[in-house]
mmCIF file of all heavy atoms, coordinates in Angstrom:
data_MODEL
# 
_entry.id   MODEL 
# 
loop_
_atom_site.group_PDB 
_atom_site.id 
_atom_site.type_symbol 
_atom_site.label_atom_id 
_atom_site.label_alt_id 
_atom_site.label_comp_id 
_atom_site.label_asym_id 
_atom_site.label_entity_id 
_atom_site.label_seq_id 
_atom_site.pdbx_PDB_ins_code 
_atom_site.Cartn_x 
_atom_site.Cartn_y 
_atom_site.Cartn_z 
_atom_site.occupancy 
_atom_site.B_iso_or_equiv 
_atom_site.pdbx_formal_charge 
_atom_site.auth_seq_id 
_atom_site.auth_comp_id 
_atom_site.auth_asym_id 
_atom_site.auth_atom_id 
_atom_site.pdbx_PDB_model_num 
ATOM 1   N N   . ILE A 1 1  ? -2.093  -11.988 -5.230  1.00 0.00 ? 1  ILE A N   1 
ATOM 2   C CA  . ILE A 1 1  ? -3.257  -11.279 -4.634  1.00 0.00 ? 1  ILE A CA  1 
ATOM 3   C C   . ILE A 1 1  ? -4.000  -10.464 -5.646  1.00 0.00 ? 1  ILE A C   1 
ATOM 4   O O   . ILE A 1 1  ? -5.225  -10.352 -5.569  1.00 0.00 ? 1  ILE A O   1 
ATOM 5   C CB  . ILE A 1 1  ? -2.749  -10.389 -3.445  1.00 0.00 ? 1  ILE A CB  1 
ATOM 6   C CG1 . ILE A 1 1  ? -2.222  -11.213 -2.288  1.00 0.00 ? 1  ILE A CG1 1 
ATOM 7   C CG2 . ILE A 1 1  ? -3.811  -9.376  -2.990  1.00 0.00 ? 1  ILE A CG2 1 
ATOM 8   C CD1 . ILE A 1 1  ? -1.478  -10.452 -1.212  1.00 0.00 ? 1  ILE A CD1 1 
ATOM 9   N N   . SER A 1 2  ? -3.251  -9.850  -6.586  1.00 0.00 ? 2  SER A N   1 
ATOM 10  C CA  . SER A 1 2  ? -3.852  -8.982  -7.571  1.00 0.00 ? 2  SER A CA  1 
ATOM 11  C C   . SER A 1 2  ? -4.879  -9.729  -8.441  1.00 0.00 ? 2  SER A C   1 
ATOM 12  O O   . SER A 1 2  ? -5.821  -9.112  -8.990  1.00 0.00 ? 2  SER A O   1 
ATOM 13  C CB  . SER A 1 2  ? -2.836  -8.345  -8.455  1.00 0.00 ? 2  SER A CB  1 
ATOM 14  O OG  . SER A 1 2  ? -2.262  -9.221  -9.404  1.00 0.00 ? 2  SER A OG  1 
ATOM 15  N N   . ASP A 1 3  ? -4.732  -11.024 -8.634  1.00 0.00 ? 3  ASP A N   1 
ATOM 16  C CA  . ASP A 1 3  ? -5.633  -11.828 -9.396  1.00 0.00 ? 3  ASP A CA  1 
ATOM 17  C C   . ASP A 1 3  ? -7.040  -11.846 -8.741  1.00 0.00 ? 3  ASP A C   1 
ATOM 18  O O   . ASP A 1 3  ? -8.048  -12.145 -9.409  1.00 0.00 ? 3  ASP A O   1 
ATOM 19  C CB  . ASP A 1 3  ? -5.172  -13.248 -9.610  1.00 0.00 ? 3  ASP A CB  1 
ATOM 20  C CG  . ASP A 1 3  ? -4.046  -13.317 -10.701 1.00 0.00 ? 3  ASP A CG  1 
ATOM 21  O OD1 . ASP A 1 3  ? -4.065  -12.457 -11.578 1.00 0.00 ? 3  ASP A OD1 1 
ATOM 22  O OD2 . ASP A 1 3  ? -3.233  -14.251 -10.585 1.00 0.00 ? 3  ASP A OD2 1 
ATOM 23  N N   . TYR A 1 4  ? -7.076  -11.597 -7.436  1.00 0.00 ? 4  TYR A N   1 
ATOM 24  C CA  . TYR A 1 4  ? -8.352  -11.625 -6.678  1.00 0.00 ? 4  TYR A CA  1 
ATOM 25  C C   . TYR A 1 4  ? -8.890  -10.257 -6.421  1.00 0.00 ? 4  TYR A C   1 
ATOM 26  O O   . TYR A 1 4  ? -10.124 -10.065 -6.494  1.00 0.00 ? 4  TYR A O   1 
ATOM 27  C CB  . TYR A 1 4  ? -8.114  -12.387 -5.373  1.00 0.00 ? 4  TYR A CB  1 
ATOM 28  C CG  . TYR A 1 4  ? -7.765  -13.862 -5.523  1.00 0.00 ? 4  TYR A CG  1 
ATOM 29  C CD1 . TYR A 1 4  ? -6.453  -14.221 -5.549  1.00 0.00 ? 4  TYR A CD1 1 
ATOM 30  C CD2 . TYR A 1 4  ? -8.761  -14.807 -5.723  1.00 0.00 ? 4  TYR A CD2 1 
ATOM 31  C CE1 . TYR A 1 4  ? -6.101  -15.557 -5.768  1.00 0.00 ? 4  TYR A CE1 1 
ATOM 32  C CE2 . TYR A 1 4  ? -8.419  -16.152 -5.951  1.00 0.00 ? 4  TYR A CE2 1 
ATOM 33  C CZ  . TYR A 1 4  ? -7.092  -16.527 -5.930  1.00 0.00 ? 4  TYR A CZ  1 
ATOM 34  O OH  . TYR A 1 4  ? -6.763  -17.836 -6.122  1.00 0.00 ? 4  TYR A OH  1 
ATOM 35  N N   . ILE A 1 5  ? -8.061  -9.268  -6.154  1.00 0.00 ? 5  ILE A N   1 
ATOM 36  C CA  . ILE A 1 5  ? -8.612  -7.945  -5.816  1.00 0.00 ? 5  ILE A CA  1 
ATOM 37  C C   . ILE A 1 5  ? -8.393  -6.904  -6.936  1.00 0.00 ? 5  ILE A C   1 
ATOM 38  O O   . ILE A 1 5  ? -8.960  -5.828  -6.870  1.00 0.00 ? 5  ILE A O   1 
ATOM 39  C CB  . ILE A 1 5  ? -7.979  -7.410  -4.490  1.00 0.00 ? 5  ILE A CB  1 
ATOM 40  C CG1 . ILE A 1 5  ? -6.525  -7.061  -4.655  1.00 0.00 ? 5  ILE A CG1 1 
ATOM 41  C CG2 . ILE A 1 5  ? -8.201  -8.387  -3.359  1.00 0.00 ? 5  ILE A CG2 1 
ATOM 42  C CD1 . ILE A 1 5  ? -5.890  -6.372  -3.461  1.00 0.00 ? 5  ILE A CD1 1 
ATOM 43  N N   . GLY A 1 6  ? -7.643  -7.308  -7.939  1.00 0.00 ? 6  GLY A N   1 
ATOM 44  C CA  . GLY A 1 6  ? -7.414  -6.403  -9.088  1.00 0.00 ? 6  GLY A CA  1 
ATOM 45  C C   . GLY A 1 6  ? -6.173  -5.612  -8.958  1.00 0.00 ? 6  GLY A C   1 
ATOM 46  O O   . GLY A 1 6  ? -5.751  -5.259  -7.833  1.00 0.00 ? 6  GLY A O   1 
ATOM 47  N N   . ARG A 1 7  ? -5.532  -5.273  -10.059 1.00 0.00 ? 7  ARG A N   1 
ATOM 48  C CA  . ARG A 1 7  ? -4.290  -4.482  -10.066 1.00 0.00 ? 7  ARG A CA  1 
ATOM 49  C C   . ARG A 1 7  ? -4.496  -3.073  -9.507  1.00 0.00 ? 7  ARG A C   1 
ATOM 50  O O   . ARG A 1 7  ? -3.658  -2.565  -8.760  1.00 0.00 ? 7  ARG A O   1 
ATOM 51  C CB  . ARG A 1 7  ? -3.711  -4.446  -11.482 1.00 0.00 ? 7  ARG A CB  1 
ATOM 52  C CG  . ARG A 1 7  ? -2.585  -5.408  -11.693 1.00 0.00 ? 7  ARG A CG  1 
ATOM 53  C CD  . ARG A 1 7  ? -2.881  -6.898  -11.578 1.00 0.00 ? 7  ARG A CD  1 
ATOM 54  N NE  . ARG A 1 7  ? -3.718  -7.307  -12.699 1.00 0.00 ? 7  ARG A NE  1 
ATOM 55  C CZ  . ARG A 1 7  ? -4.113  -8.554  -12.916 1.00 0.00 ? 7  ARG A CZ  1 
ATOM 56  N NH1 . ARG A 1 7  ? -3.836  -9.482  -11.993 1.00 0.00 ? 7  ARG A NH1 1 
ATOM 57  N NH2 . ARG A 1 7  ? -4.859  -8.908  -13.965 1.00 0.00 ? 7  ARG A NH2 1 
ATOM 58  N N   . PRO A 1 8  ? -5.565  -2.358  -9.873  1.00 0.00 ? 8  PRO A N   1 
ATOM 59  C CA  . PRO A 1 8  ? -5.717  -1.033  -9.322  1.00 0.00 ? 8  PRO A CA  1 
ATOM 60  C C   . PRO A 1 8  ? -5.737  -0.989  -7.797  1.00 0.00 ? 8  PRO A C   1 
ATOM 61  O O   . PRO A 1 8  ? -5.146  -0.126  -7.117  1.00 0.00 ? 8  PRO A O   1 
ATOM 62  C CB  . PRO A 1 8  ? -7.072  -0.557  -9.889  1.00 0.00 ? 8  PRO A CB  1 
ATOM 63  C CG  . PRO A 1 8  ? -7.180  -1.333  -11.164 1.00 0.00 ? 8  PRO A CG  1 
ATOM 64  C CD  . PRO A 1 8  ? -6.629  -2.694  -10.849 1.00 0.00 ? 8  PRO A CD  1 
ATOM 65  N N   . ALA A 1 9  ? -6.458  -1.975  -7.208  1.00 0.00 ? 9  ALA A N   1 
ATOM 66  C CA  . ALA A 1 9  ? -6.568  -2.062  -5.759  1.00 0.00 ? 9  ALA A CA  1 
ATOM 67  C C   . ALA A 1 9  ? -5.225  -2.366  -5.139  1.00 0.00 ? 9  ALA A C   1 
ATOM 68  O O   . ALA A 1 9  ? -4.847  -1.869  -4.052  1.00 0.00 ? 9  ALA A O   1 
ATOM 69  C CB  . ALA A 1 9  ? -7.575  -3.118  -5.279  1.00 0.00 ? 9  ALA A CB  1 
ATOM 70  N N   . VAL A 1 10 ? -4.387  -3.199  -5.784  1.00 0.00 ? 10 VAL A N   1 
ATOM 71  C CA  . VAL A 1 10 ? -3.083  -3.530  -5.268  1.00 0.00 ? 10 VAL A CA  1 
ATOM 72  C C   . VAL A 1 10 ? -2.222  -2.286  -5.164  1.00 0.00 ? 10 VAL A C   1 
ATOM 73  O O   . VAL A 1 10 ? -1.509  -2.066  -4.202  1.00 0.00 ? 10 VAL A O   1 
ATOM 74  C CB  . VAL A 1 10 ? -2.419  -4.676  -6.095  1.00 0.00 ? 10 VAL A CB  1 
ATOM 75  C CG1 . VAL A 1 10 ? -0.916  -4.734  -5.858  1.00 0.00 ? 10 VAL A CG1 1 
ATOM 76  C CG2 . VAL A 1 10 ? -3.086  -6.013  -5.765  1.00 0.00 ? 10 VAL A CG2 1 
ATOM 77  N N   . PHE A 1 11 ? -2.176  -1.506  -6.277  1.00 0.00 ? 11 PHE A N   1 
ATOM 78  C CA  . PHE A 1 11 ? -1.335  -0.299  -6.274  1.00 0.00 ? 11 PHE A CA  1 
ATOM 79  C C   . PHE A 1 11 ? -1.773  0.705   -5.226  1.00 0.00 ? 11 PHE A C   1 
ATOM 80  O O   . PHE A 1 11 ? -0.945  1.366   -4.561  1.00 0.00 ? 11 PHE A O   1 
ATOM 81  C CB  . PHE A 1 11 ? -1.291  0.333   -7.670  1.00 0.00 ? 11 PHE A CB  1 
ATOM 82  C CG  . PHE A 1 11 ? -0.274  -0.229  -8.568  1.00 0.00 ? 11 PHE A CG  1 
ATOM 83  C CD1 . PHE A 1 11 ? -0.534  -1.269  -9.409  1.00 0.00 ? 11 PHE A CD1 1 
ATOM 84  C CD2 . PHE A 1 11 ? 1.017   0.301   -8.581  1.00 0.00 ? 11 PHE A CD2 1 
ATOM 85  C CE1 . PHE A 1 11 ? 0.439   -1.817  -10.266 1.00 0.00 ? 11 PHE A CE1 1 
ATOM 86  C CE2 . PHE A 1 11 ? 1.999   -0.245  -9.423  1.00 0.00 ? 11 PHE A CE2 1 
ATOM 87  C CZ  . PHE A 1 11 ? 1.737   -1.283  -10.253 1.00 0.00 ? 11 PHE A CZ  1 
ATOM 88  N N   . THR A 1 12 ? -3.080  0.857   -5.011  1.00 0.00 ? 12 THR A N   1 
ATOM 89  C CA  . THR A 1 12 ? -3.575  1.691   -3.970  1.00 0.00 ? 12 THR A CA  1 
ATOM 90  C C   . THR A 1 12 ? -3.087  1.208   -2.596  1.00 0.00 ? 12 THR A C   1 
ATOM 91  O O   . THR A 1 12 ? -2.660  1.963   -1.756  1.00 0.00 ? 12 THR A O   1 
ATOM 92  C CB  . THR A 1 12 ? -5.126  1.764   -3.979  1.00 0.00 ? 12 THR A CB  1 
ATOM 93  O OG1 . THR A 1 12 ? -5.527  2.293   -5.222  1.00 0.00 ? 12 THR A OG1 1 
ATOM 94  C CG2 . THR A 1 12 ? -5.625  2.651   -2.866  1.00 0.00 ? 12 THR A CG2 1 
ATOM 95  N N   . THR A 1 13 ? -3.141  -0.104  -2.417  1.00 0.00 ? 13 THR A N   1 
ATOM 96  C CA  . THR A 1 13 ? -2.627  -0.761  -1.142  1.00 0.00 ? 13 THR A CA  1 
ATOM 97  C C   . THR A 1 13 ? -1.156  -0.492  -0.934  1.00 0.00 ? 13 THR A C   1 
ATOM 98  O O   . THR A 1 13 ? -0.750  -0.186  0.156   1.00 0.00 ? 13 THR A O   1 
ATOM 99  C CB  . THR A 1 13 ? -2.911  -2.287  -1.190  1.00 0.00 ? 13 THR A CB  1 
ATOM 100 O OG1 . THR A 1 13 ? -4.323  -2.505  -1.433  1.00 0.00 ? 13 THR A OG1 1 
ATOM 101 C CG2 . THR A 1 13 ? -2.477  -2.905  0.132   1.00 0.00 ? 13 THR A CG2 1 
ATOM 102 N N   . PHE A 1 14 ? -0.380  -0.573  -2.054  1.00 0.00 ? 14 PHE A N   1 
ATOM 103 C CA  . PHE A 1 14 ? 1.020   -0.295  -1.909  1.00 0.00 ? 14 PHE A CA  1 
ATOM 104 C C   . PHE A 1 14 ? 1.238   1.093   -1.265  1.00 0.00 ? 14 PHE A C   1 
ATOM 105 O O   . PHE A 1 14 ? 2.061   1.250   -0.338  1.00 0.00 ? 14 PHE A O   1 
ATOM 106 C CB  . PHE A 1 14 ? 1.704   -0.232  -3.311  1.00 0.00 ? 14 PHE A CB  1 
ATOM 107 C CG  . PHE A 1 14 ? 1.894   -1.559  -3.942  1.00 0.00 ? 14 PHE A CG  1 
ATOM 108 C CD1 . PHE A 1 14 ? 2.078   -1.628  -5.310  1.00 0.00 ? 14 PHE A CD1 1 
ATOM 109 C CD2 . PHE A 1 14 ? 1.894   -2.700  -3.253  1.00 0.00 ? 14 PHE A CD2 1 
ATOM 110 C CE1 . PHE A 1 14 ? 2.286   -2.866  -5.940  1.00 0.00 ? 14 PHE A CE1 1 
ATOM 111 C CE2 . PHE A 1 14 ? 2.039   -3.924  -3.837  1.00 0.00 ? 14 PHE A CE2 1 
ATOM 112 C CZ  . PHE A 1 14 ? 2.262   -4.044  -5.249  1.00 0.00 ? 14 PHE A CZ  1 
ATOM 113 N N   . PHE A 1 15 ? 0.558   2.099   -1.763  1.00 0.00 ? 15 PHE A N   1 
ATOM 114 C CA  . PHE A 1 15 ? 0.796   3.452   -1.362  1.00 0.00 ? 15 PHE A CA  1 
ATOM 115 C C   . PHE A 1 15 ? 0.188   3.747   0.073   1.00 0.00 ? 15 PHE A C   1 
ATOM 116 O O   . PHE A 1 15 ? 0.759   4.622   0.813   1.00 0.00 ? 15 PHE A O   1 
ATOM 117 C CB  . PHE A 1 15 ? 0.292   4.417   -2.400  1.00 0.00 ? 15 PHE A CB  1 
ATOM 118 C CG  . PHE A 1 15 ? 0.991   4.208   -3.714  1.00 0.00 ? 15 PHE A CG  1 
ATOM 119 C CD1 . PHE A 1 15 ? 0.233   4.025   -4.896  1.00 0.00 ? 15 PHE A CD1 1 
ATOM 120 C CD2 . PHE A 1 15 ? 2.334   4.173   -3.829  1.00 0.00 ? 15 PHE A CD2 1 
ATOM 121 C CE1 . PHE A 1 15 ? 0.852   3.781   -6.138  1.00 0.00 ? 15 PHE A CE1 1 
ATOM 122 C CE2 . PHE A 1 15 ? 3.006   3.901   -5.045  1.00 0.00 ? 15 PHE A CE2 1 
ATOM 123 C CZ  . PHE A 1 15 ? 2.248   3.736   -6.173  1.00 0.00 ? 15 PHE A CZ  1 
ATOM 124 N N   . VAL A 1 16 ? -0.860  3.065   0.423   1.00 0.00 ? 16 VAL A N   1 
ATOM 125 C CA  . VAL A 1 16 ? -1.373  3.191   1.746   1.00 0.00 ? 16 VAL A CA  1 
ATOM 126 C C   . VAL A 1 16 ? -0.364  2.659   2.752   1.00 0.00 ? 16 VAL A C   1 
ATOM 127 O O   . VAL A 1 16 ? -0.058  3.299   3.755   1.00 0.00 ? 16 VAL A O   1 
ATOM 128 C CB  . VAL A 1 16 ? -2.734  2.472   1.898   1.00 0.00 ? 16 VAL A CB  1 
ATOM 129 C CG1 . VAL A 1 16 ? -3.150  2.392   3.386   1.00 0.00 ? 16 VAL A CG1 1 
ATOM 130 C CG2 . VAL A 1 16 ? -3.790  3.226   1.132   1.00 0.00 ? 16 VAL A CG2 1 
ATOM 131 N N   . LEU A 1 17 ? 0.138   1.486   2.519   1.00 0.00 ? 17 LEU A N   1 
ATOM 132 C CA  . LEU A 1 17 ? 1.123   0.861   3.408   1.00 0.00 ? 17 LEU A CA  1 
ATOM 133 C C   . LEU A 1 17 ? 2.416   1.643   3.479   1.00 0.00 ? 17 LEU A C   1 
ATOM 134 O O   . LEU A 1 17 ? 2.932   1.914   4.618   1.00 0.00 ? 17 LEU A O   1 
ATOM 135 C CB  . LEU A 1 17 ? 1.450   -0.571  2.930   1.00 0.00 ? 17 LEU A CB  1 
ATOM 136 C CG  . LEU A 1 17 ? 0.379   -1.612  3.001   1.00 0.00 ? 17 LEU A CG  1 
ATOM 137 C CD1 . LEU A 1 17 ? 0.747   -2.921  2.390   1.00 0.00 ? 17 LEU A CD1 1 
ATOM 138 C CD2 . LEU A 1 17 ? -0.035  -1.825  4.494   1.00 0.00 ? 17 LEU A CD2 1 
ATOM 139 N N   . GLN A 1 18 ? 2.871   2.154   2.320   1.00 0.00 ? 18 GLN A N   1 
ATOM 140 C CA  . GLN A 1 18 ? 4.139   2.943   2.371   1.00 0.00 ? 18 GLN A CA  1 
ATOM 141 C C   . GLN A 1 18 ? 3.911   4.313   3.024   1.00 0.00 ? 18 GLN A C   1 
ATOM 142 O O   . GLN A 1 18 ? 4.859   4.808   3.663   1.00 0.00 ? 18 GLN A O   1 
ATOM 143 C CB  . GLN A 1 18 ? 4.636   3.098   0.948   1.00 0.00 ? 18 GLN A CB  1 
ATOM 144 C CG  . GLN A 1 18 ? 5.163   1.796   0.355   1.00 0.00 ? 18 GLN A CG  1 
ATOM 145 C CD  . GLN A 1 18 ? 5.759   1.961   -1.024  1.00 0.00 ? 18 GLN A CD  1 
ATOM 146 O OE1 . GLN A 1 18 ? 6.926   2.339   -1.203  1.00 0.00 ? 18 GLN A OE1 1 
ATOM 147 N NE2 . GLN A 1 18 ? 4.943   1.757   -2.057  1.00 0.00 ? 18 GLN A NE2 1 
ATOM 148 N N   . LEU A 1 19 ? 2.733   4.869   2.864   1.00 0.00 ? 19 LEU A N   1 
ATOM 149 C CA  . LEU A 1 19 ? 2.419   6.172   3.509   1.00 0.00 ? 19 LEU A CA  1 
ATOM 150 C C   . LEU A 1 19 ? 2.508   5.980   4.996   1.00 0.00 ? 19 LEU A C   1 
ATOM 151 O O   . LEU A 1 19 ? 3.145   6.833   5.693   1.00 0.00 ? 19 LEU A O   1 
ATOM 152 C CB  . LEU A 1 19 ? 1.057   6.629   3.092   1.00 0.00 ? 19 LEU A CB  1 
ATOM 153 C CG  . LEU A 1 19 ? 0.721   8.130   3.235   1.00 0.00 ? 19 LEU A CG  1 
ATOM 154 C CD1 . LEU A 1 19 ? 1.752   9.009   2.606   1.00 0.00 ? 19 LEU A CD1 1 
ATOM 155 C CD2 . LEU A 1 19 ? -0.650  8.453   2.722   1.00 0.00 ? 19 LEU A CD2 1 
ATOM 156 N N   . ILE A 1 20 ? 1.905   4.941   5.501   1.00 0.00 ? 20 ILE A N   1 
ATOM 157 C CA  . ILE A 1 20 ? 1.956   4.664   6.946   1.00 0.00 ? 20 ILE A CA  1 
ATOM 158 C C   . ILE A 1 20 ? 3.429   4.454   7.392   1.00 0.00 ? 20 ILE A C   1 
ATOM 159 O O   . ILE A 1 20 ? 3.872   4.985   8.439   1.00 0.00 ? 20 ILE A O   1 
ATOM 160 C CB  . ILE A 1 20 ? 1.145   3.421   7.288   1.00 0.00 ? 20 ILE A CB  1 
ATOM 161 C CG1 . ILE A 1 20 ? -0.355  3.665   7.047   1.00 0.00 ? 20 ILE A CG1 1 
ATOM 162 C CG2 . ILE A 1 20 ? 1.337   2.972   8.776   1.00 0.00 ? 20 ILE A CG2 1 
ATOM 163 C CD1 . ILE A 1 20 ? -1.231  2.438   7.142   1.00 0.00 ? 20 ILE A CD1 1 
ATOM 164 N N   . ALA A 1 21 ? 4.163   3.704   6.588   1.00 0.00 ? 21 ALA A N   1 
ATOM 165 C CA  . ALA A 1 21 ? 5.579   3.418   6.957   1.00 0.00 ? 21 ALA A CA  1 
ATOM 166 C C   . ALA A 1 21 ? 6.449   4.675   6.987   1.00 0.00 ? 21 ALA A C   1 
ATOM 167 O O   . ALA A 1 21 ? 7.166   4.916   7.943   1.00 0.00 ? 21 ALA A O   1 
ATOM 168 C CB  . ALA A 1 21 ? 6.130   2.406   5.970   1.00 0.00 ? 21 ALA A CB  1 
ATOM 169 N N   . PHE A 1 22 ? 6.318   5.497   5.967   1.00 0.00 ? 22 PHE A N   1 
ATOM 170 C CA  . PHE A 1 22 ? 7.178   6.691   5.897   1.00 0.00 ? 22 PHE A CA  1 
ATOM 171 C C   . PHE A 1 22 ? 6.765   7.721   6.926   1.00 0.00 ? 22 PHE A C   1 
ATOM 172 O O   . PHE A 1 22 ? 7.641   8.544   7.390   1.00 0.00 ? 22 PHE A O   1 
ATOM 173 C CB  . PHE A 1 22 ? 7.161   7.295   4.493   1.00 0.00 ? 22 PHE A CB  1 
ATOM 174 C CG  . PHE A 1 22 ? 8.064   6.610   3.503   1.00 0.00 ? 22 PHE A CG  1 
ATOM 175 C CD1 . PHE A 1 22 ? 7.523   5.811   2.494   1.00 0.00 ? 22 PHE A CD1 1 
ATOM 176 C CD2 . PHE A 1 22 ? 9.429   6.734   3.602   1.00 0.00 ? 22 PHE A CD2 1 
ATOM 177 C CE1 . PHE A 1 22 ? 8.362   5.196   1.597   1.00 0.00 ? 22 PHE A CE1 1 
ATOM 178 C CE2 . PHE A 1 22 ? 10.255  6.111   2.702   1.00 0.00 ? 22 PHE A CE2 1 
ATOM 179 C CZ  . PHE A 1 22 ? 9.710   5.303   1.738   1.00 0.00 ? 22 PHE A CZ  1 
ATOM 180 N N   . ILE A 1 23 ? 5.519   7.774   7.318   1.00 0.00 ? 23 ILE A N   1 
ATOM 181 C CA  . ILE A 1 23 ? 5.078   8.692   8.337   1.00 0.00 ? 23 ILE A CA  1 
ATOM 182 C C   . ILE A 1 23 ? 5.588   8.278   9.742   1.00 0.00 ? 23 ILE A C   1 
ATOM 183 O O   . ILE A 1 23 ? 6.074   9.121   10.538  1.00 0.00 ? 23 ILE A O   1 
ATOM 184 C CB  . ILE A 1 23 ? 3.556   8.846   8.386   1.00 0.00 ? 23 ILE A CB  1 
ATOM 185 C CG1 . ILE A 1 23 ? 3.055   9.553   7.149   1.00 0.00 ? 23 ILE A CG1 1 
ATOM 186 C CG2 . ILE A 1 23 ? 3.075   9.594   9.642   1.00 0.00 ? 23 ILE A CG2 1 
ATOM 187 C CD1 . ILE A 1 23 ? 1.535   9.608   6.962   1.00 0.00 ? 23 ILE A CD1 1 
ATOM 188 N N   . LEU A 1 24 ? 5.544   6.998   9.985   1.00 0.00 ? 24 LEU A N   1 
ATOM 189 C CA  . LEU A 1 24 ? 5.919   6.494   11.295  1.00 0.00 ? 24 LEU A CA  1 
ATOM 190 C C   . LEU A 1 24 ? 7.437   6.178   11.535  1.00 0.00 ? 24 LEU A C   1 
ATOM 191 O O   . LEU A 1 24 ? 7.942   6.295   12.650  1.00 0.00 ? 24 LEU A O   1 
ATOM 192 C CB  . LEU A 1 24 ? 5.144   5.180   11.602  1.00 0.00 ? 24 LEU A CB  1 
ATOM 193 C CG  . LEU A 1 24 ? 3.594   5.334   11.696  1.00 0.00 ? 24 LEU A CG  1 
ATOM 194 C CD1 . LEU A 1 24 ? 2.977   3.986   11.988  1.00 0.00 ? 24 LEU A CD1 1 
ATOM 195 C CD2 . LEU A 1 24 ? 3.204   6.384   12.778  1.00 0.00 ? 24 LEU A CD2 1 
ATOM 196 N N   . LEU A 1 25 ? 8.139   5.856   10.488  1.00 0.00 ? 25 LEU A N   1 
ATOM 197 C CA  . LEU A 1 25 ? 9.545   5.431   10.613  1.00 0.00 ? 25 LEU A CA  1 
ATOM 198 C C   . LEU A 1 25 ? 10.435  6.426   11.352  1.00 0.00 ? 25 LEU A C   1 
ATOM 199 O O   . LEU A 1 25 ? 11.265  6.008   12.126  1.00 0.00 ? 25 LEU A O   1 
ATOM 200 C CB  . LEU A 1 25 ? 10.140  5.117   9.206   1.00 0.00 ? 25 LEU A CB  1 
ATOM 201 C CG  . LEU A 1 25 ? 9.875   3.692   8.735   1.00 0.00 ? 25 LEU A CG  1 
ATOM 202 C CD1 . LEU A 1 25 ? 10.312  3.568   7.306   1.00 0.00 ? 25 LEU A CD1 1 
ATOM 203 C CD2 . LEU A 1 25 ? 10.648  2.659   9.602   1.00 0.00 ? 25 LEU A CD2 1 
ATOM 204 N N   . PRO A 1 26 ? 10.314  7.791   11.141  1.00 0.00 ? 26 PRO A N   1 
ATOM 205 C CA  . PRO A 1 26 ? 11.213  8.701   11.855  1.00 0.00 ? 26 PRO A CA  1 
ATOM 206 C C   . PRO A 1 26 ? 11.088  8.629   13.355  1.00 0.00 ? 26 PRO A C   1 
ATOM 207 O O   . PRO A 1 26 ? 12.007  9.037   14.077  1.00 0.00 ? 26 PRO A O   1 
ATOM 208 C CB  . PRO A 1 26 ? 10.773  10.079  11.318  1.00 0.00 ? 26 PRO A CB  1 
ATOM 209 C CG  . PRO A 1 26 ? 10.126  9.792   10.035  1.00 0.00 ? 26 PRO A CG  1 
ATOM 210 C CD  . PRO A 1 26 ? 9.436   8.476   10.183  1.00 0.00 ? 26 PRO A CD  1 
ATOM 211 N N   . ASN A 1 27 ? 9.983   8.133   13.882  1.00 0.00 ? 27 ASN A N   1 
ATOM 212 C CA  . ASN A 1 27 ? 9.725   8.124   15.321  1.00 0.00 ? 27 ASN A CA  1 
ATOM 213 C C   . ASN A 1 27 ? 9.760   6.785   15.934  1.00 0.00 ? 27 ASN A C   1 
ATOM 214 O O   . ASN A 1 27 ? 9.521   6.601   17.105  1.00 0.00 ? 27 ASN A O   1 
ATOM 215 C CB  . ASN A 1 27 ? 8.389   8.752   15.599  1.00 0.00 ? 27 ASN A CB  1 
ATOM 216 C CG  . ASN A 1 27 ? 8.216   10.168  15.073  1.00 0.00 ? 27 ASN A CG  1 
ATOM 217 O OD1 . ASN A 1 27 ? 9.049   11.044  15.322  1.00 0.00 ? 27 ASN A OD1 1 
ATOM 218 N ND2 . ASN A 1 27 ? 7.157   10.445  14.271  1.00 0.00 ? 27 ASN A ND2 1 
# 
């Protein structure tokens, strides 16, 4: 995927997804 959207965008996506996961997981 990074070959199409770029490595900076992929790392930002990682943290957006994980932020959602860690916020919601306790509930």
